[in-house]
Amino acid sequence: MTLDARLQSRGSLRFTPAGVPALDFELAHESMQVEAGSERRVACELAAVALGPVATKIADIAPGAQIRCTGFLARRYRTGITVALHVNEFDLKSETKEGN
């Protein structure tokens, strides 16, 4: 799964019992989508998690940055029903504005 989003917030970099860096963060997505032949504005927030070197790199990014995340959806907690995007890769997106 690939998602373009804004890094809305992030927790502090932590380490698993095995010593692997881990980071919990929130993504905010906004876009125009076509549904039933009409354009529709969509917006949502999504919990996300990164492990290893990806976690370390995202921990250095300031909230508000636009990023493209690639990963998979899984339960946020083992016994819960909410999901989180487990980010395996990401790219910082350019902040240039059209017409400038």
PDB file of N, CA and C in Angstrom:
ATOM      1  N   MET A   1       0.847  -1.166   0.000  1.00  0.00           N
ATOM      2  CA  MET A   1       0.000   0.000   0.000  1.00  0.00           C
ATOM      3  C   MET A   1       0.894   1.231   0.000  1.00  0.00           C
ATOM      4  N   THR A   2       0.532   2.217  -0.809  1.00  0.00           N
ATOM      5  CA  THR A   2       1.262   3.483  -0.855  1.00  0.00           C
ATOM      6  C   THR A   2       0.298   4.608  -0.527  1.00  0.00           C
ATOM      7  N   LEU A   3       0.735   5.521   0.330  1.00  0.00           N
ATOM      8  CA  LEU A   3      -0.116   6.625   0.775  1.00  0.00           C
ATOM      9  C   LEU A   3       0.688   7.908   0.810  1.00  0.00           C
ATOM     10  N   ASP A   4       0.168   8.955   0.162  1.00  0.00           N
ATOM     11  CA  ASP A   4       0.736  10.293   0.285  1.00  0.00           C
ATOM     12  C   ASP A   4       0.038  10.961   1.451  1.00  0.00           C
ATOM     13  N   ALA A   5       0.811  11.501   2.378  1.00  0.00           N
ATOM     14  CA  ALA A   5       0.208  12.070   3.588  1.00  0.00           C
ATOM     15  C   ALA A   5       1.149  13.088   4.221  1.00  0.00           C
ATOM     16  N   ARG A   6       0.591  13.811   5.184  1.00  0.00           N
ATOM     17  CA  ARG A   6       1.367  14.753   5.991  1.00  0.00           C
ATOM     18  C   ARG A   6       1.703  14.062   7.309  1.00  0.00           C
ATOM     19  N   LEU A   7       2.930  14.193   7.754  1.00  0.00           N
ATOM     20  CA  LEU A   7       3.311  13.667   9.071  1.00  0.00           C
ATOM     21  C   LEU A   7       2.639  14.567  10.102  1.00  0.00           C
ATOM     22  N   GLN A   8       1.563  14.101  10.675  1.00  0.00           N
ATOM     23  CA  GLN A   8       0.767  14.919  11.588  1.00  0.00           C
ATOM     24  C   GLN A   8       1.422  15.038  12.956  1.00  0.00           C
ATOM     25  N   SER A   9       1.871  13.925  13.493  1.00  0.00           N
ATOM     26  CA  SER A   9       2.544  13.930  14.797  1.00  0.00           C
ATOM     27  C   SER A   9       3.374  12.655  14.898  1.00  0.00           C
ATOM     28  N   ARG A  10       4.295  12.665  15.827  1.00  0.00           N
ATOM     29  CA  ARG A  10       5.084  11.452  16.046  1.00  0.00           C
ATOM     30  C   ARG A  10       5.481  11.363  17.503  1.00  0.00           C
ATOM     31  N   GLY A  11       5.599  10.133  17.952  1.00  0.00           N
ATOM     32  CA  GLY A  11       6.055   9.898  19.311  1.00  0.00           C
ATOM     33  C   GLY A  11       7.578   9.961  19.366  1.00  0.00           C
ATOM     34  N   SER A  12       8.117   9.609  20.500  1.00  0.00           N
ATOM     35  CA  SER A  12       9.566   9.549  20.658  1.00  0.00           C
ATOM     36  C   SER A  12      10.076   8.208  20.151  1.00  0.00           C
ATOM     37  N   LEU A  13      11.261   8.231  19.603  1.00  0.00           N
ATOM     38  CA  LEU A  13      11.886   6.991  19.157  1.00  0.00           C
ATOM     39  C   LEU A  13      12.091   6.100  20.379  1.00  0.00           C
ATOM     40  N   ARG A  14      11.665   4.864  20.261  1.00  0.00           N
ATOM     41  CA  ARG A  14      11.809   3.902  21.349  1.00  0.00           C
ATOM     42  C   ARG A  14      12.505   2.667  20.791  1.00  0.00           C
ATOM     43  N   PHE A  15      12.768   1.701  21.644  1.00  0.00           N
ATOM     44  CA  PHE A  15      13.440   0.473  21.229  1.00  0.00           C
ATOM     45  C   PHE A  15      12.671  -0.731  21.741  1.00  0.00           C
ATOM     46  N   THR A  16      12.527  -1.728  20.875  1.00  0.00           N
ATOM     47  CA  THR A  16      11.855  -2.965  21.265  1.00  0.00           C
ATOM     48  C   THR A  16      12.750  -3.710  22.250  1.00  0.00           C
ATOM     49  N   PRO A  17      12.234  -4.732  22.934  1.00  0.00           N
ATOM     50  CA  PRO A  17      13.087  -5.526  23.833  1.00  0.00           C
ATOM     51  C   PRO A  17      14.305  -6.133  23.115  1.00  0.00           C
ATOM     52  N   ALA A  18      14.192  -6.329  21.805  1.00  0.00           N
ATOM     53  CA  ALA A  18      15.318  -6.857  21.030  1.00  0.00           C
ATOM     54  C   ALA A  18      16.287  -5.760  20.586  1.00  0.00           C
ATOM     55  N   GLY A  19      16.003  -4.504  20.953  1.00  0.00           N
ATOM     56  CA  GLY A  19      16.892  -3.399  20.621  1.00  0.00           C
ATOM     57  C   GLY A  19      16.638  -2.763  19.263  1.00  0.00           C
ATOM     58  N   VAL A  20      15.514  -3.072  18.629  1.00  0.00           N
ATOM     59  CA  VAL A  20      15.193  -2.511  17.317  1.00  0.00           C
ATOM     60  C   VAL A  20      14.494  -1.163  17.498  1.00  0.00           C
ATOM     61  N   PRO A  21      14.966  -0.111  16.798  1.00  0.00           N
ATOM     62  CA  PRO A  21      14.279   1.183  16.890  1.00  0.00           C
ATOM     63  C   PRO A  21      12.834   1.057  16.413  1.00  0.00           C
ATOM     64  N   ALA A  22      11.910   1.757  17.097  1.00  0.00           N
ATOM     65  CA  ALA A  22      10.494   1.739  16.729  1.00  0.00           C
ATOM     66  C   ALA A  22       9.923   3.135  16.925  1.00  0.00           C
ATOM     67  N   LEU A  23       9.001   3.505  16.048  1.00  0.00           N
ATOM     68  CA  LEU A  23       8.392   4.832  16.123  1.00  0.00           C
ATOM     69  C   LEU A  23       6.914   4.740  15.767  1.00  0.00           C
ATOM     70  N   ASP A  24       6.069   5.285  16.641  1.00  0.00           N
ATOM     71  CA  ASP A  24       4.641   5.402  16.368  1.00  0.00           C
ATOM     72  C   ASP A  24       4.391   6.832  15.911  1.00  0.00           C
ATOM     73  N   PHE A  25       3.570   6.998  14.869  1.00  0.00           N
ATOM     74  CA  PHE A  25       3.261   8.334  14.378  1.00  0.00           C
ATOM     75  C   PHE A  25       1.885   8.347  13.733  1.00  0.00           C
ATOM     76  N   GLU A  26       1.401   9.539  13.433  1.00  0.00           N
ATOM     77  CA  GLU A  26       0.086   9.726  12.827  1.00  0.00           C
ATOM     78  C   GLU A  26       0.262  10.401  11.476  1.00  0.00           C
ATOM     79  N   LEU A  27      -0.492   9.919  10.493  1.00  0.00           N
ATOM     80  CA  LEU A  27      -0.479  10.487   9.154  1.00  0.00           C
ATOM     81  C   LEU A  27      -1.830  11.122   8.864  1.00  0.00           C
ATOM     82  N   ALA A  28      -1.835  12.228   8.126  1.00  0.00           N
ATOM     83  CA  ALA A  28      -3.076  12.871   7.689  1.00  0.00           C
ATOM     84  C   ALA A  28      -3.067  12.900   6.165  1.00  0.00           C
ATOM     85  N   HIS A  29      -4.114  12.347   5.569  1.00  0.00           N
ATOM     86  CA  HIS A  29      -4.215  12.261   4.112  1.00  0.00           C
ATOM     87  C   HIS A  29      -5.402  13.083   3.625  1.00  0.00           C
ATOM     88  N   GLU A  30      -5.201  13.827   2.529  1.00  0.00           N
ATOM     89  CA  GLU A  30      -6.279  14.556   1.863  1.00  0.00           C
ATOM     90  C   GLU A  30      -6.080  14.408   0.365  1.00  0.00           C
ATOM     91  N   SER A  31      -7.160  14.121  -0.356  1.00  0.00           N
ATOM     92  CA  SER A  31      -7.073  14.008  -1.812  1.00  0.00           C
ATOM     93  C   SER A  31      -8.458  14.093  -2.425  1.00  0.00           C
ATOM     94  N   MET A  32      -8.475  14.179  -3.753  1.00  0.00           N
ATOM     95  CA  MET A  32      -9.707  14.098  -4.527  1.00  0.00           C
ATOM     96  C   MET A  32      -9.741  12.711  -5.141  1.00  0.00           C
ATOM     97  N   GLN A  33     -10.878  12.020  -5.008  1.00  0.00           N
ATOM     98  CA  GLN A  33     -11.052  10.676  -5.545  1.00  0.00           C
ATOM     99  C   GLN A  33     -12.326  10.642  -6.382  1.00  0.00           C
ATOM    100  N   VAL A  34     -12.371   9.726  -7.323  1.00  0.00           N
ATOM    101  CA  VAL A  34     -13.568   9.550  -8.134  1.00  0.00           C
ATOM    102  C   VAL A  34     -14.351   8.374  -7.577  1.00  0.00           C
ATOM    103  N   GLU A  35     -15.627   8.631  -7.295  1.00  0.00           N
ATOM    104  CA  GLU A  35     -16.517   7.592  -6.789  1.00  0.00           C
ATOM    105  C   GLU A  35     -17.846   7.717  -7.524  1.00  0.00           C
ATOM    106  N   ALA A  36     -18.285   6.634  -8.139  1.00  0.00           N
ATOM    107  CA  ALA A  36     -19.543   6.607  -8.894  1.00  0.00           C
ATOM    108  C   ALA A  36     -19.593   7.719  -9.934  1.00  0.00           C
ATOM    109  N   GLY A  37     -18.441   8.001 -10.556  1.00  0.00           N
ATOM    110  CA  GLY A  37     -18.374   8.989 -11.621  1.00  0.00           C
ATOM    111  C   GLY A  37     -18.266  10.430 -11.175  1.00  0.00           C
ATOM    112  N   SER A  38     -18.241  10.692  -9.880  1.00  0.00           N
ATOM    113  CA  SER A  38     -18.132  12.059  -9.366  1.00  0.00           C
ATOM    114  C   SER A  38     -16.886  12.202  -8.510  1.00  0.00           C
ATOM    115  N   GLU A  39     -16.320  13.422  -8.540  1.00  0.00           N
ATOM    116  CA  GLU A  39     -15.168  13.684  -7.682  1.00  0.00           C
ATOM    117  C   GLU A  39     -15.635  13.896  -6.249  1.00  0.00           C
ATOM    118  N   ARG A  40     -14.820  13.396  -5.352  1.00  0.00           N
ATOM    119  CA  ARG A  40     -15.130  13.498  -3.922  1.00  0.00           C
ATOM    120  C   ARG A  40     -13.841  13.823  -3.174  1.00  0.00           C
ATOM    121  N   ARG A  41     -13.916  14.792  -2.279  1.00  0.00           N
ATOM    122  CA  ARG A  41     -12.761  15.136  -1.436  1.00  0.00           C
ATOM    123  C   ARG A  41     -12.753  14.172  -0.255  1.00  0.00           C
ATOM    124  N   VAL A  42     -11.610  13.530  -0.027  1.00  0.00           N
ATOM    125  CA  VAL A  42     -11.498  12.622   1.109  1.00  0.00           C
ATOM    126  C   VAL A  42     -10.392  13.106   2.038  1.00  0.00           C
ATOM    127  N   ALA A  43     -10.585  12.859   3.306  1.00  0.00           N
ATOM    128  CA  ALA A  43      -9.596  13.210   4.318  1.00  0.00           C
ATOM    129  C   ALA A  43      -9.686  12.188   5.429  1.00  0.00           C
ATOM    130  N   CYS A  44      -8.537  11.774   5.933  1.00  0.00           N
ATOM    131  CA  CYS A  44      -8.528  10.830   7.044  1.00  0.00           C
ATOM    132  C   CYS A  44      -7.196  10.915   7.778  1.00  0.00           C
ATOM    133  N   GLU A  45      -7.202  10.414   8.987  1.00  0.00           N
ATOM    134  CA  GLU A  45      -5.986  10.271   9.782  1.00  0.00           C
ATOM    135  C   GLU A  45      -5.764   8.777   9.966  1.00  0.00           C
ATOM    136  N   LEU A  46      -4.502   8.385   9.987  1.00  0.00           N
ATOM    137  CA  LEU A  46      -4.164   6.976  10.090  1.00  0.00           C
ATOM    138  C   LEU A  46      -2.967   6.805  11.011  1.00  0.00           C
ATOM    139  N   ALA A  47      -3.089   5.880  11.953  1.00  0.00           N
ATOM    140  CA  ALA A  47      -1.957   5.538  12.812  1.00  0.00           C
ATOM    141  C   ALA A  47      -0.918   4.818  11.960  1.00  0.00           C
ATOM    142  N   ALA A  48       0.344   5.014  12.283  1.00  0.00           N
ATOM    143  CA  ALA A  48       1.425   4.370  11.543  1.00  0.00           C
ATOM    144  C   ALA A  48       2.532   3.975  12.506  1.00  0.00           C
ATOM    145  N   VAL A  49       3.329   3.003  12.074  1.00  0.00           N
ATOM    146  CA  VAL A  49       4.469   2.545  12.860  1.00  0.00           C
ATOM    147  C   VAL A  49       5.599   2.209  11.897  1.00  0.00           C
ATOM    148  N   ALA A  50       6.818   2.465  12.330  1.00  0.00           N
ATOM    149  CA  ALA A  50       8.005   2.102  11.553  1.00  0.00           C
ATOM    150  C   ALA A  50       9.010   1.460  12.490  1.00  0.00           C
ATOM    151  N   LEU A  51       9.774   0.524  11.962  1.00  0.00           N
ATOM    152  CA  LEU A  51      10.801  -0.178  12.727  1.00  0.00           C
ATOM    153  C   LEU A  51      12.141  -0.076  12.023  1.00  0.00           C
ATOM    154  N   GLY A  52      13.212  -0.233  12.780  1.00  0.00           N
ATOM    155  CA  GLY A  52      14.555  -0.264  12.213  1.00  0.00           C
ATOM    156  C   GLY A  52      15.002   1.081  11.672  1.00  0.00           C
ATOM    157  N   PRO A  53      15.810   1.058  10.597  1.00  0.00           N
ATOM    158  CA  PRO A  53      16.342   2.302  10.029  1.00  0.00           C
ATOM    159  C   PRO A  53      15.256   3.273   9.572  1.00  0.00           C
ATOM    160  N   VAL A  54      14.112   2.761   9.115  1.00  0.00           N
ATOM    161  CA  VAL A  54      13.019   3.643   8.690  1.00  0.00           C
ATOM    162  C   VAL A  54      12.518   4.455   9.885  1.00  0.00           C
ATOM    163  N   ALA A  55      12.391   3.830  11.036  1.00  0.00           N
ATOM    164  CA  ALA A  55      11.958   4.537  12.246  1.00  0.00           C
ATOM    165  C   ALA A  55      12.936   5.649  12.608  1.00  0.00           C
ATOM    166  N   THR A  56      14.216   5.350  12.542  1.00  0.00           N
ATOM    167  CA  THR A  56      15.247   6.338  12.875  1.00  0.00           C
ATOM    168  C   THR A  56      15.177   7.541  11.936  1.00  0.00           C
ATOM    169  N   LYS A  57      14.952   7.287  10.645  1.00  0.00           N
ATOM    170  CA  LYS A  57      14.887   8.382   9.665  1.00  0.00           C
ATOM    171  C   LYS A  57      13.624   9.221   9.840  1.00  0.00           C
ATOM    172  N   ILE A  58      12.482   8.588  10.076  1.00  0.00           N
ATOM    173  CA  ILE A  58      11.241   9.349  10.264  1.00  0.00           C
ATOM    174  C   ILE A  58      11.303  10.165  11.552  1.00  0.00           C
ATOM    175  N   ALA A  59      12.013   9.682  12.557  1.00  0.00           N
ATOM    176  CA  ALA A  59      12.146  10.416  13.827  1.00  0.00           C
ATOM    177  C   ALA A  59      12.834  11.761  13.624  1.00  0.00           C
ATOM    178  N   ASP A  60      13.593  11.911  12.539  1.00  0.00           N
ATOM    179  CA  ASP A  60      14.291  13.165  12.246  1.00  0.00           C
ATOM    180  C   ASP A  60      13.469  14.139  11.409  1.00  0.00           C
ATOM    181  N   ILE A  61      12.272  13.737  10.987  1.00  0.00           N
ATOM    182  CA  ILE A  61      11.433  14.587  10.140  1.00  0.00           C
ATOM    183  C   ILE A  61      10.469  15.385  11.016  1.00  0.00           C
ATOM    184  N   ALA A  62      10.351  16.655  10.724  1.00  0.00           N
ATOM    185  CA  ALA A  62       9.455  17.526  11.490  1.00  0.00           C
ATOM    186  C   ALA A  62       8.001  17.269  11.118  1.00  0.00           C
ATOM    187  N   PRO A  63       7.113  17.275  12.100  1.00  0.00           N
ATOM    188  CA  PRO A  63       5.683  17.183  11.789  1.00  0.00           C
ATOM    189  C   PRO A  63       5.302  18.284  10.797  1.00  0.00           C
ATOM    190  N   GLY A  64       4.393  17.952   9.895  1.00  0.00           N
ATOM    191  CA  GLY A  64       3.975  18.881   8.847  1.00  0.00           C
ATOM    192  C   GLY A  64       4.568  18.526   7.495  1.00  0.00           C
ATOM    193  N   ALA A  65       5.623  17.722   7.483  1.00  0.00           N
ATOM    194  CA  ALA A  65       6.264  17.331   6.227  1.00  0.00           C
ATOM    195  C   ALA A  65       5.354  16.404   5.430  1.00  0.00           C
ATOM    196  N   GLN A  66       5.407  16.546   4.122  1.00  0.00           N
ATOM    197  CA  GLN A  66       4.650  15.668   3.219  1.00  0.00           C
ATOM    198  C   GLN A  66       5.532  14.470   2.876  1.00  0.00           C
ATOM    199  N   ILE A  67       4.993  13.261   3.066  1.00  0.00           N
ATOM    200  CA  ILE A  67       5.756  12.053   2.773  1.00  0.00           C
ATOM    201  C   ILE A  67       4.901  11.051   2.003  1.00  0.00           C
ATOM    202  N   ARG A  68       5.562  10.215   1.221  1.00  0.00           N
ATOM    203  CA  ARG A  68       4.903   9.094   0.537  1.00  0.00           C
ATOM    204  C   ARG A  68       5.377   7.833   1.243  1.00  0.00           C
ATOM    205  N   CYS A  69       4.442   7.140   1.864  1.00  0.00           N
ATOM    206  CA  CYS A  69       4.755   5.948   2.651  1.00  0.00           C
ATOM    207  C   CYS A  69       4.322   4.693   1.905  1.00  0.00           C
ATOM    208  N   THR A  70       5.143   3.663   1.970  1.00  0.00           N
ATOM    209  CA  THR A  70       4.810   2.360   1.404  1.00  0.00           C
ATOM    210  C   THR A  70       4.943   1.326   2.504  1.00  0.00           C
ATOM    211  N   GLY A  71       3.932   0.471   2.619  1.00  0.00           N
ATOM    212  CA  GLY A  71       3.962  -0.550   3.654  1.00  0.00           C
ATOM    213  C   GLY A  71       2.717  -1.412   3.585  1.00  0.00           C
ATOM    214  N   PHE A  72       2.262  -1.869   4.732  1.00  0.00           N
ATOM    215  CA  PHE A  72       1.095  -2.745   4.798  1.00  0.00           C
ATOM    216  C   PHE A  72       0.245  -2.391   6.002  1.00  0.00           C
ATOM    217  N   LEU A  73      -1.043  -2.732   5.913  1.00  0.00           N
ATOM    218  CA  LEU A  73      -1.956  -2.515   7.025  1.00  0.00           C
ATOM    219  C   LEU A  73      -2.001  -3.755   7.904  1.00  0.00           C
ATOM    220  N   ALA A  74      -2.023  -3.535   9.204  1.00  0.00           N
ATOM    221  CA  ALA A  74      -2.154  -4.626  10.171  1.00  0.00           C
ATOM    222  C   ALA A  74      -2.844  -4.060  11.410  1.00  0.00           C
ATOM    223  N   ARG A  75      -3.327  -4.945  12.245  1.00  0.00           N
ATOM    224  CA  ARG A  75      -3.934  -4.491  13.500  1.00  0.00           C
ATOM    225  C   ARG A  75      -2.931  -3.649  14.268  1.00  0.00           C
ATOM    226  N   ARG A  76      -3.457  -2.598  14.874  1.00  0.00           N
ATOM    227  CA  ARG A  76      -2.589  -1.720  15.662  1.00  0.00           C
ATOM    228  C   ARG A  76      -2.125  -2.423  16.935  1.00  0.00           C
ATOM    229  N   TYR A  77      -3.033  -3.143  17.541  1.00  0.00           N
ATOM    230  CA  TYR A  77      -2.723  -3.918  18.746  1.00  0.00           C
ATOM    231  C   TYR A  77      -3.182  -5.342  18.496  1.00  0.00           C
ATOM    232  N   ARG A  78      -2.522  -6.298  19.071  1.00  0.00           N
ATOM    233  CA  ARG A  78      -2.848  -7.713  18.825  1.00  0.00           C
ATOM    234  C   ARG A  78      -4.310  -8.059  19.034  1.00  0.00           C
ATOM    235  N   THR A  79      -4.926  -7.498  20.065  1.00  0.00           N
ATOM    236  CA  THR A  79      -6.315  -7.855  20.372  1.00  0.00           C
ATOM    237  C   THR A  79      -7.312  -6.803  19.896  1.00  0.00           C
ATOM    238  N   GLY A  80      -6.835  -5.751  19.231  1.00  0.00           N
ATOM    239  CA  GLY A  80      -7.726  -4.673  18.807  1.00  0.00           C
ATOM    240  C   GLY A  80      -8.294  -4.885  17.414  1.00  0.00           C
ATOM    241  N   ILE A  81      -9.153  -3.945  17.012  1.00  0.00           N
ATOM    242  CA  ILE A  81      -9.717  -4.005  15.670  1.00  0.00           C
ATOM    243  C   ILE A  81      -9.261  -2.823  14.805  1.00  0.00           C
ATOM    244  N   THR A  82      -8.589  -1.831  15.388  1.00  0.00           N
ATOM    245  CA  THR A  82      -8.091  -0.698  14.613  1.00  0.00           C
ATOM    246  C   THR A  82      -6.834  -1.114  13.867  1.00  0.00           C
ATOM    247  N   VAL A  83      -6.557  -0.398  12.759  1.00  0.00           N
ATOM    248  CA  VAL A  83      -5.396  -0.735  11.943  1.00  0.00           C
ATOM    249  C   VAL A  83      -4.358   0.373  11.982  1.00  0.00           C
ATOM    250  N   ALA A  84      -3.137   0.013  11.631  1.00  0.00           N
ATOM    251  CA  ALA A  84      -2.039   0.961  11.488  1.00  0.00           C
ATOM    252  C   ALA A  84      -1.289   0.623  10.213  1.00  0.00           C
ATOM    253  N   LEU A  85      -0.748   1.639   9.577  1.00  0.00           N
ATOM    254  CA  LEU A  85       0.105   1.434   8.418  1.00  0.00           C
ATOM    255  C   LEU A  85       1.512   1.145   8.924  1.00  0.00           C
ATOM    256  N   HIS A  86       2.034  -0.030   8.615  1.00  0.00           N
ATOM    257  CA  HIS A  86       3.406  -0.399   8.964  1.00  0.00           C
ATOM    258  C   HIS A  86       4.282   0.025   7.799  1.00  0.00           C
ATOM    259  N   VAL A  87       5.047   1.090   7.994  1.00  0.00           N
ATOM    260  CA  VAL A  87       5.798   1.718   6.915  1.00  0.00           C
ATOM    261  C   VAL A  87       7.146   1.015   6.735  1.00  0.00           C
ATOM    262  N   ASN A  88       7.364   0.501   5.520  1.00  0.00           N
ATOM    263  CA  ASN A  88       8.629  -0.146   5.164  1.00  0.00           C
ATOM    264  C   ASN A  88       9.563   0.786   4.403  1.00  0.00           C
ATOM    265  N   GLU A  89       8.978   1.746   3.693  1.00  0.00           N
ATOM    266  CA  GLU A  89       9.743   2.715   2.900  1.00  0.00           C
ATOM    267  C   GLU A  89       8.998   4.039   2.922  1.00  0.00           C
ATOM    268  N   PHE A  90       9.738   5.126   2.732  1.00  0.00           N
ATOM    269  CA  PHE A  90       9.081   6.423   2.592  1.00  0.00           C
ATOM    270  C   PHE A  90       9.984   7.355   1.807  1.00  0.00           C
ATOM    271  N   ASP A  91       9.376   8.359   1.210  1.00  0.00           N
ATOM    272  CA  ASP A  91      10.091   9.426   0.507  1.00  0.00           C
ATOM    273  C   ASP A  91       9.538  10.749   0.981  1.00  0.00           C
ATOM    274  N   LEU A  92      10.427  11.680   1.209  1.00  0.00           N
ATOM    275  CA  LEU A  92      10.026  13.044   1.537  1.00  0.00           C
ATOM    276  C   LEU A  92       9.570  13.687   0.237  1.00  0.00           C
ATOM    277  N   LYS A  93       8.392  14.288   0.244  1.00  0.00           N
ATOM    278  CA  LYS A  93       7.873  14.913  -0.972  1.00  0.00           C
ATOM    279  C   LYS A  93       8.245  16.383  -0.993  1.00  0.00           C
ATOM    280  N   SER A  94       8.395  16.922  -2.183  1.00  0.00           N
ATOM    281  CA  SER A  94       8.740  18.325  -2.381  1.00  0.00           C
ATOM    282  C   SER A  94       7.614  19.215  -1.879  1.00  0.00           C
ATOM    283  N   GLU A  95       7.960  20.336  -1.306  1.00  0.00           N
ATOM    284  CA  GLU A  95       6.972  21.272  -0.762  1.00  0.00           C
ATOM    285  C   GLU A  95       6.726  22.449  -1.715  1.00  0.00           C
ATOM    286  N   THR A  96       7.138  22.343  -2.978  1.00  0.00           N
ATOM    287  CA  THR A  96       6.968  23.462  -3.892  1.00  0.00           C
ATOM    288  C   THR A  96       5.508  23.679  -4.216  1.00  0.00           C
ATOM    289  N   LYS A  97       5.132  24.937  -4.403  1.00  0.00           N
ATOM    290  CA  LYS A  97       3.753  25.286  -4.716  1.00  0.00           C
ATOM    291  C   LYS A  97       3.633  25.545  -6.207  1.00  0.00           C
ATOM    292  N   GLU A  98       2.493  25.177  -6.785  1.00  0.00           N
ATOM    293  CA  GLU A  98       2.260  25.391  -8.206  1.00  0.00           C
ATOM    294  C   GLU A  98       2.264  26.893  -8.501  1.00  0.00           C
ATOM    295  N   GLY A  99       2.846  27.241  -9.640  1.00  0.00           N
ATOM    296  CA  GLY A  99       2.857  28.626 -10.059  1.00  0.00           C
ATOM    297  C   GLY A  99       4.032  29.408  -9.509  1.00  0.00           C
ATOM    298  N   ASN A 100       4.870  28.805  -8.671  1.00  0.00           N
ATOM    299  CA  ASN A 100       6.037  29.513  -8.109  1.00  0.00           C
ATOM    300  C   ASN A 100       7.313  28.962  -8.679  1.00  0.00           C
TER     301      ASN A 100
END
